[in-house]
Amino acid sequence: MDDLKLELNHTYLLRYGCTDTVSSVTILMITEKTYKVRWNGGGTESWELKRRMYSDYTLVEDISDYLAPKPEDFKFEITYKDVVEVKCHPYFVETEACPFCGGSGQIPDDKTTAGTKTCMVCGGTGIKIKKTQIFFE
């Protein structure tokens, strides 16, 4: 079977074998022989051998674009009672992968049994806000 060619920080729908069972997974780390994946249905994380993933799963689709935050997701209102009312509506938020952790949200840590710790630059989100434009009414 052909390699899945899964990419870091992408979320995929994968079909198990010849069944109708579809799982949502996010690729957190990639090594030469393994993927670290988050199984989005239960929120668990595990290391999976690439050869097993290639033999057991087929790609349904990459759903990363559907999950990307949209500008309307960032609307918020701040009201200062009896002083002033301010309404903020960010209409453009541009992000990029965190340069420190490469977008995984994790960095190596040989002092823990897990082998990783949360990236202190992005706080584990894996993203860095590059530019935000805000309108005030």
N, C-alpha and C. Protein backbone atom coordinates (compact mmCIF):
# COMPACT_ATOMS: atom_id res chain seq x y z
N MET A 1 0.85 -1.19 0.00
CA MET A 1 0.00 0.00 0.00
C MET A 1 0.89 1.24 0.00
N ASP A 2 0.44 2.27 -0.68
CA ASP A 2 1.21 3.51 -0.76
C ASP A 2 1.28 4.21 0.59
N ASP A 3 2.36 4.96 0.78
CA ASP A 3 2.51 5.73 2.01
C ASP A 3 1.40 6.78 2.09
N LEU A 4 0.97 7.07 3.31
CA LEU A 4 -0.08 8.06 3.52
C LEU A 4 0.45 9.48 3.34
N LYS A 5 1.73 9.69 3.58
CA LYS A 5 2.35 11.01 3.48
C LYS A 5 1.62 12.03 4.36
N LEU A 6 1.51 11.70 5.62
CA LEU A 6 0.85 12.58 6.58
C LEU A 6 1.79 13.71 6.97
N GLU A 7 1.24 14.92 7.13
CA GLU A 7 2.05 16.09 7.42
C GLU A 7 1.86 16.56 8.86
N LEU A 8 2.90 17.16 9.40
CA LEU A 8 2.90 17.67 10.77
C LEU A 8 1.81 18.72 10.95
N ASN A 9 1.10 18.65 12.08
CA ASN A 9 0.04 19.59 12.46
C ASN A 9 -1.18 19.58 11.55
N HIS A 10 -1.32 18.55 10.75
CA HIS A 10 -2.52 18.40 9.92
C HIS A 10 -3.46 17.42 10.60
N THR A 11 -4.75 17.61 10.37
CA THR A 11 -5.76 16.71 10.91
C THR A 11 -6.39 15.96 9.74
N TYR A 12 -6.46 14.64 9.89
CA TYR A 12 -6.94 13.77 8.82
C TYR A 12 -8.10 12.91 9.28
N LEU A 13 -8.92 12.50 8.32
CA LEU A 13 -9.88 11.43 8.53
C LEU A 13 -9.27 10.20 7.87
N LEU A 14 -9.07 9.15 8.67
CA LEU A 14 -8.48 7.91 8.17
C LEU A 14 -9.49 6.78 8.31
N ARG A 15 -9.55 5.95 7.29
CA ARG A 15 -10.46 4.80 7.28
C ARG A 15 -9.67 3.57 7.69
N TYR A 16 -10.22 2.79 8.63
CA TYR A 16 -9.55 1.59 9.11
C TYR A 16 -9.90 0.41 8.21
N GLY A 17 -8.88 -0.19 7.57
CA GLY A 17 -9.04 -1.38 6.74
C GLY A 17 -10.12 -1.20 5.69
N CYS A 18 -10.98 -2.23 5.56
CA CYS A 18 -12.08 -2.20 4.59
C CYS A 18 -13.41 -1.91 5.28
N THR A 19 -13.35 -1.38 6.48
CA THR A 19 -14.57 -1.10 7.24
C THR A 19 -15.06 0.31 6.94
N ASP A 20 -16.17 0.66 7.54
CA ASP A 20 -16.68 2.03 7.44
C ASP A 20 -16.28 2.85 8.65
N THR A 21 -15.31 2.35 9.42
CA THR A 21 -14.84 3.05 10.61
C THR A 21 -13.85 4.13 10.20
N VAL A 22 -14.19 5.38 10.54
CA VAL A 22 -13.33 6.52 10.20
C VAL A 22 -12.90 7.19 11.50
N SER A 23 -11.62 7.52 11.59
CA SER A 23 -11.07 8.17 12.79
C SER A 23 -10.45 9.50 12.41
N SER A 24 -10.58 10.46 13.31
CA SER A 24 -9.93 11.76 13.13
C SER A 24 -8.63 11.75 13.92
N VAL A 25 -7.51 12.06 13.25
CA VAL A 25 -6.22 12.09 13.92
C VAL A 25 -5.49 13.37 13.54
N THR A 26 -4.71 13.89 14.49
CA THR A 26 -3.84 15.03 14.24
C THR A 26 -2.41 14.56 14.43
N ILE A 27 -1.55 14.89 13.48
CA ILE A 27 -0.15 14.48 13.54
C ILE A 27 0.62 15.51 14.37
N LEU A 28 1.16 15.05 15.52
CA LEU A 28 1.86 15.94 16.45
C LEU A 28 3.36 15.96 16.24
N MET A 29 3.93 14.82 15.89
CA MET A 29 5.38 14.73 15.64
C MET A 29 5.61 13.64 14.60
N ILE A 30 6.71 13.78 13.86
CA ILE A 30 7.07 12.78 12.86
C ILE A 30 8.53 12.44 13.05
N THR A 31 8.82 11.14 13.17
CA THR A 31 10.21 10.68 13.18
C THR A 31 10.42 9.85 11.92
N GLU A 32 11.59 9.24 11.80
CA GLU A 32 11.89 8.45 10.62
C GLU A 32 10.93 7.26 10.48
N LYS A 33 10.54 6.64 11.62
CA LYS A 33 9.73 5.43 11.55
C LYS A 33 8.39 5.51 12.25
N THR A 34 8.10 6.66 12.89
CA THR A 34 6.85 6.74 13.65
C THR A 34 6.15 8.08 13.48
N TYR A 35 4.87 8.08 13.83
CA TYR A 35 4.08 9.29 13.97
C TYR A 35 3.62 9.37 15.41
N LYS A 36 3.63 10.58 15.98
CA LYS A 36 2.94 10.79 17.25
C LYS A 36 1.61 11.40 16.86
N VAL A 37 0.51 10.70 17.20
CA VAL A 37 -0.81 11.14 16.77
C VAL A 37 -1.71 11.40 17.96
N ARG A 38 -2.63 12.34 17.77
CA ARG A 38 -3.71 12.56 18.73
C ARG A 38 -4.97 12.00 18.08
N TRP A 39 -5.58 11.02 18.76
CA TRP A 39 -6.83 10.43 18.30
C TRP A 39 -7.93 11.36 18.80
N ASN A 40 -8.50 12.15 17.91
CA ASN A 40 -9.38 13.24 18.31
C ASN A 40 -10.70 12.79 18.91
N GLY A 41 -11.15 11.59 18.64
CA GLY A 41 -12.39 11.11 19.24
C GLY A 41 -12.30 11.01 20.75
N GLY A 42 -11.18 10.50 21.26
CA GLY A 42 -11.01 10.34 22.69
C GLY A 42 -9.97 11.27 23.29
N GLY A 43 -9.24 11.97 22.44
CA GLY A 43 -8.23 12.90 22.91
C GLY A 43 -6.95 12.25 23.38
N THR A 44 -6.79 10.94 23.12
CA THR A 44 -5.57 10.26 23.54
C THR A 44 -4.46 10.49 22.52
N GLU A 45 -3.23 10.39 23.00
CA GLU A 45 -2.07 10.52 22.13
C GLU A 45 -1.28 9.22 22.17
N SER A 46 -0.70 8.84 21.03
CA SER A 46 0.10 7.62 21.00
C SER A 46 1.13 7.72 19.88
N TRP A 47 2.14 6.89 20.00
CA TRP A 47 3.14 6.74 18.95
C TRP A 47 2.71 5.56 18.10
N GLU A 48 2.69 5.75 16.78
CA GLU A 48 2.27 4.70 15.86
C GLU A 48 3.38 4.48 14.83
N LEU A 49 3.67 3.21 14.55
CA LEU A 49 4.64 2.89 13.52
C LEU A 49 4.08 3.30 12.16
N LYS A 50 4.91 3.93 11.33
CA LYS A 50 4.45 4.35 10.01
C LYS A 50 3.99 3.14 9.20
N ARG A 51 4.75 2.04 9.26
CA ARG A 51 4.40 0.87 8.45
C ARG A 51 3.04 0.30 8.85
N ARG A 52 2.70 0.38 10.14
CA ARG A 52 1.39 -0.10 10.56
C ARG A 52 0.29 0.85 10.09
N MET A 53 0.55 2.14 10.18
CA MET A 53 -0.43 3.12 9.70
C MET A 53 -0.68 2.93 8.21
N TYR A 54 0.41 2.71 7.45
CA TYR A 54 0.29 2.54 6.01
C TYR A 54 -0.50 1.29 5.65
N SER A 55 -0.34 0.22 6.43
CA SER A 55 -1.02 -1.03 6.10
C SER A 55 -2.45 -1.08 6.63
N ASP A 56 -2.74 -0.40 7.74
CA ASP A 56 -4.06 -0.49 8.36
C ASP A 56 -5.03 0.62 7.94
N TYR A 57 -4.54 1.76 7.50
CA TYR A 57 -5.41 2.91 7.26
C TYR A 57 -5.27 3.43 5.83
N THR A 58 -6.37 3.98 5.33
CA THR A 58 -6.34 4.71 4.06
C THR A 58 -6.86 6.11 4.32
N LEU A 59 -6.35 7.06 3.56
CA LEU A 59 -6.70 8.46 3.74
C LEU A 59 -8.08 8.74 3.16
N VAL A 60 -8.97 9.30 3.97
CA VAL A 60 -10.28 9.75 3.48
C VAL A 60 -10.12 11.20 3.00
N GLU A 61 -9.65 12.07 3.92
CA GLU A 61 -9.36 13.45 3.51
C GLU A 61 -8.61 14.19 4.61
N ASP A 62 -7.93 15.26 4.18
CA ASP A 62 -7.26 16.18 5.09
C ASP A 62 -8.29 17.25 5.46
N ILE A 63 -8.64 17.34 6.74
CA ILE A 63 -9.67 18.29 7.16
C ILE A 63 -9.09 19.50 7.89
N SER A 64 -7.80 19.72 7.76
CA SER A 64 -7.13 20.83 8.45
C SER A 64 -7.74 22.17 8.10
N ASP A 65 -8.07 22.39 6.83
CA ASP A 65 -8.63 23.67 6.41
C ASP A 65 -9.99 23.93 7.04
N TYR A 66 -10.76 22.88 7.28
CA TYR A 66 -12.08 23.04 7.89
C TYR A 66 -11.96 23.43 9.36
N LEU A 67 -10.84 23.06 10.00
CA LEU A 67 -10.66 23.30 11.42
C LEU A 67 -9.93 24.60 11.73
N ALA A 68 -9.37 25.25 10.70
CA ALA A 68 -8.61 26.48 10.90
C ALA A 68 -9.52 27.57 11.44
N PRO A 69 -9.05 28.37 12.40
CA PRO A 69 -9.89 29.43 12.95
C PRO A 69 -10.23 30.46 11.88
N LYS A 70 -11.46 30.92 11.90
CA LYS A 70 -11.91 31.94 10.97
C LYS A 70 -11.99 33.27 11.71
N PRO A 71 -11.88 34.37 11.00
CA PRO A 71 -11.92 35.67 11.69
C PRO A 71 -13.15 35.87 12.56
N GLU A 72 -14.30 35.34 12.14
CA GLU A 72 -15.50 35.53 12.95
C GLU A 72 -15.45 34.76 14.26
N ASP A 73 -14.54 33.78 14.39
CA ASP A 73 -14.37 33.04 15.63
C ASP A 73 -13.73 33.91 16.72
N PHE A 74 -13.15 35.04 16.36
CA PHE A 74 -12.41 35.87 17.30
C PHE A 74 -13.18 37.10 17.74
N LYS A 75 -14.48 37.16 17.45
CA LYS A 75 -15.26 38.32 17.87
C LYS A 75 -15.44 38.31 19.38
N PHE A 76 -15.32 39.47 19.98
CA PHE A 76 -15.55 39.60 21.41
C PHE A 76 -16.01 41.02 21.70
N GLU A 77 -16.66 41.19 22.81
CA GLU A 77 -17.13 42.50 23.24
C GLU A 77 -16.62 42.80 24.63
N ILE A 78 -16.14 44.02 24.83
CA ILE A 78 -15.70 44.47 26.15
C ILE A 78 -16.54 45.68 26.50
N THR A 79 -17.16 45.65 27.65
CA THR A 79 -17.99 46.77 28.09
C THR A 79 -17.50 47.25 29.45
N TYR A 80 -17.20 48.54 29.54
CA TYR A 80 -16.84 49.15 30.81
C TYR A 80 -18.08 49.88 31.30
N LYS A 81 -18.69 49.34 32.32
CA LYS A 81 -19.97 49.84 32.81
C LYS A 81 -19.87 51.30 33.27
N ASP A 82 -20.79 52.14 32.80
CA ASP A 82 -20.92 53.55 33.16
C ASP A 82 -19.71 54.40 32.79
N VAL A 83 -18.74 53.87 32.10
CA VAL A 83 -17.59 54.67 31.72
C VAL A 83 -17.55 54.82 30.20
N VAL A 84 -17.33 53.73 29.52
CA VAL A 84 -17.25 53.75 28.07
C VAL A 84 -17.57 52.36 27.56
N GLU A 85 -18.13 52.28 26.38
CA GLU A 85 -18.42 50.98 25.78
C GLU A 85 -17.55 50.83 24.56
N VAL A 86 -16.81 49.74 24.51
CA VAL A 86 -15.90 49.46 23.41
C VAL A 86 -16.30 48.13 22.80
N LYS A 87 -16.47 48.12 21.49
CA LYS A 87 -16.76 46.87 20.79
C LYS A 87 -15.61 46.61 19.83
N CYS A 88 -15.00 45.43 19.97
CA CYS A 88 -13.88 45.06 19.12
C CYS A 88 -14.30 43.89 18.23
N HIS A 89 -13.98 43.98 16.98
CA HIS A 89 -14.28 42.90 16.05
C HIS A 89 -13.04 42.64 15.18
N PRO A 90 -12.11 41.78 15.65
CA PRO A 90 -10.97 41.46 14.78
C PRO A 90 -11.50 40.83 13.50
N TYR A 91 -11.04 41.28 12.38
CA TYR A 91 -11.52 40.69 11.15
C TYR A 91 -10.42 39.94 10.41
N PHE A 92 -9.21 40.00 10.90
CA PHE A 92 -8.14 39.30 10.22
C PHE A 92 -7.11 38.85 11.23
N VAL A 93 -6.87 37.54 11.31
CA VAL A 93 -5.84 37.00 12.18
C VAL A 93 -4.99 36.06 11.32
N GLU A 94 -3.73 36.36 11.20
CA GLU A 94 -2.82 35.53 10.42
C GLU A 94 -1.88 34.81 11.39
N THR A 95 -1.78 33.50 11.25
CA THR A 95 -0.93 32.71 12.14
C THR A 95 0.13 31.98 11.35
N GLU A 96 1.12 31.49 12.07
CA GLU A 96 2.15 30.65 11.48
C GLU A 96 2.58 29.65 12.54
N ALA A 97 3.27 28.60 12.11
CA ALA A 97 3.75 27.59 13.05
C ALA A 97 4.77 28.23 14.00
N CYS A 98 4.72 27.82 15.25
CA CYS A 98 5.66 28.33 16.25
C CYS A 98 7.08 27.99 15.81
N PRO A 99 7.97 28.97 15.72
CA PRO A 99 9.33 28.71 15.26
C PRO A 99 10.16 27.91 16.26
N PHE A 100 9.77 27.91 17.52
CA PHE A 100 10.55 27.23 18.55
C PHE A 100 10.29 25.72 18.57
N CYS A 101 8.99 25.34 18.47
CA CYS A 101 8.65 23.91 18.53
C CYS A 101 8.30 23.34 17.16
N GLY A 102 8.33 24.17 16.13
CA GLY A 102 7.99 23.70 14.80
C GLY A 102 6.50 23.44 14.61
N GLY A 103 5.68 23.97 15.50
CA GLY A 103 4.24 23.82 15.37
C GLY A 103 3.66 22.63 16.10
N SER A 104 4.47 21.87 16.80
CA SER A 104 3.95 20.68 17.50
C SER A 104 3.40 21.02 18.89
N GLY A 105 3.83 22.14 19.46
CA GLY A 105 3.40 22.49 20.81
C GLY A 105 4.22 21.79 21.89
N GLN A 106 5.13 20.92 21.49
CA GLN A 106 5.96 20.16 22.41
C GLN A 106 7.43 20.35 22.06
N ILE A 107 8.29 20.34 23.07
CA ILE A 107 9.73 20.38 22.85
C ILE A 107 10.36 19.24 23.62
N PRO A 108 11.51 18.72 23.14
CA PRO A 108 12.16 17.62 23.84
C PRO A 108 12.56 18.00 25.26
N ASP A 109 12.44 17.03 26.18
CA ASP A 109 12.84 17.24 27.57
C ASP A 109 13.33 15.90 28.11
N ASP A 110 14.64 15.78 28.26
CA ASP A 110 15.22 14.52 28.74
C ASP A 110 15.11 14.36 30.25
N LYS A 111 14.51 15.34 30.93
CA LYS A 111 14.37 15.26 32.38
C LYS A 111 13.04 14.64 32.81
N THR A 112 12.17 14.32 31.85
CA THR A 112 10.89 13.70 32.17
C THR A 112 10.78 12.35 31.50
N THR A 113 9.91 11.51 32.01
CA THR A 113 9.71 10.20 31.40
C THR A 113 8.93 10.31 30.09
N ALA A 114 8.17 11.38 29.92
CA ALA A 114 7.43 11.57 28.67
C ALA A 114 8.36 11.93 27.53
N GLY A 115 9.49 12.53 27.84
CA GLY A 115 10.45 12.91 26.81
C GLY A 115 10.16 14.26 26.17
N THR A 116 9.02 14.87 26.51
CA THR A 116 8.68 16.19 25.97
C THR A 116 8.03 17.03 27.06
N LYS A 117 7.98 18.33 26.78
CA LYS A 117 7.24 19.24 27.65
C LYS A 117 6.58 20.29 26.77
N THR A 118 5.65 21.01 27.33
CA THR A 118 4.92 22.02 26.59
C THR A 118 5.85 23.16 26.19
N CYS A 119 5.75 23.58 24.95
CA CYS A 119 6.56 24.69 24.44
C CYS A 119 6.22 25.95 25.21
N MET A 120 7.26 26.62 25.73
CA MET A 120 7.02 27.81 26.53
C MET A 120 6.78 29.05 25.67
N VAL A 121 7.07 28.97 24.38
CA VAL A 121 6.86 30.12 23.51
C VAL A 121 5.40 30.23 23.08
N CYS A 122 4.81 29.10 22.64
CA CYS A 122 3.43 29.12 22.15
C CYS A 122 2.44 28.58 23.17
N GLY A 123 2.91 28.12 24.31
CA GLY A 123 2.03 27.59 25.35
C GLY A 123 1.36 26.28 24.97
N GLY A 124 1.95 25.56 24.01
CA GLY A 124 1.41 24.27 23.61
C GLY A 124 0.44 24.33 22.45
N THR A 125 0.15 25.52 21.94
CA THR A 125 -0.81 25.62 20.84
C THR A 125 -0.17 25.27 19.50
N GLY A 126 1.13 25.45 19.38
CA GLY A 126 1.82 25.17 18.12
C GLY A 126 1.72 26.30 17.11
N ILE A 127 1.05 27.39 17.48
CA ILE A 127 0.93 28.49 16.54
C ILE A 127 1.40 29.80 17.16
N LYS A 128 1.77 30.71 16.28
CA LYS A 128 2.18 32.04 16.69
C LYS A 128 1.35 33.01 15.86
N ILE A 129 0.75 33.98 16.50
CA ILE A 129 -0.03 34.96 15.76
C ILE A 129 0.95 35.91 15.08
N LYS A 130 0.84 35.96 13.77
CA LYS A 130 1.74 36.77 12.97
C LYS A 130 1.23 38.20 12.84
N LYS A 131 -0.09 38.34 12.60
CA LYS A 131 -0.63 39.67 12.41
C LYS A 131 -2.12 39.64 12.77
N THR A 132 -2.59 40.67 13.46
CA THR A 132 -4.00 40.82 13.78
C THR A 132 -4.42 42.24 13.44
N GLN A 133 -5.50 42.36 12.70
CA GLN A 133 -6.06 43.67 12.39
C GLN A 133 -7.39 43.78 13.11
N ILE A 134 -7.60 44.91 13.79
CA ILE A 134 -8.80 45.09 14.62
C ILE A 134 -9.48 46.40 14.25
N PHE A 135 -10.81 46.36 14.17
CA PHE A 135 -11.60 47.58 14.01
C PHE A 135 -12.31 47.87 15.32
N PHE A 136 -12.33 49.11 15.71
CA PHE A 136 -13.09 49.55 16.87
C PHE A 136 -14.26 50.38 16.38
N GLU A 137 -15.42 50.11 16.94
CA GLU A 137 -16.61 50.88 16.57
C GLU A 137 -16.77 52.06 17.47
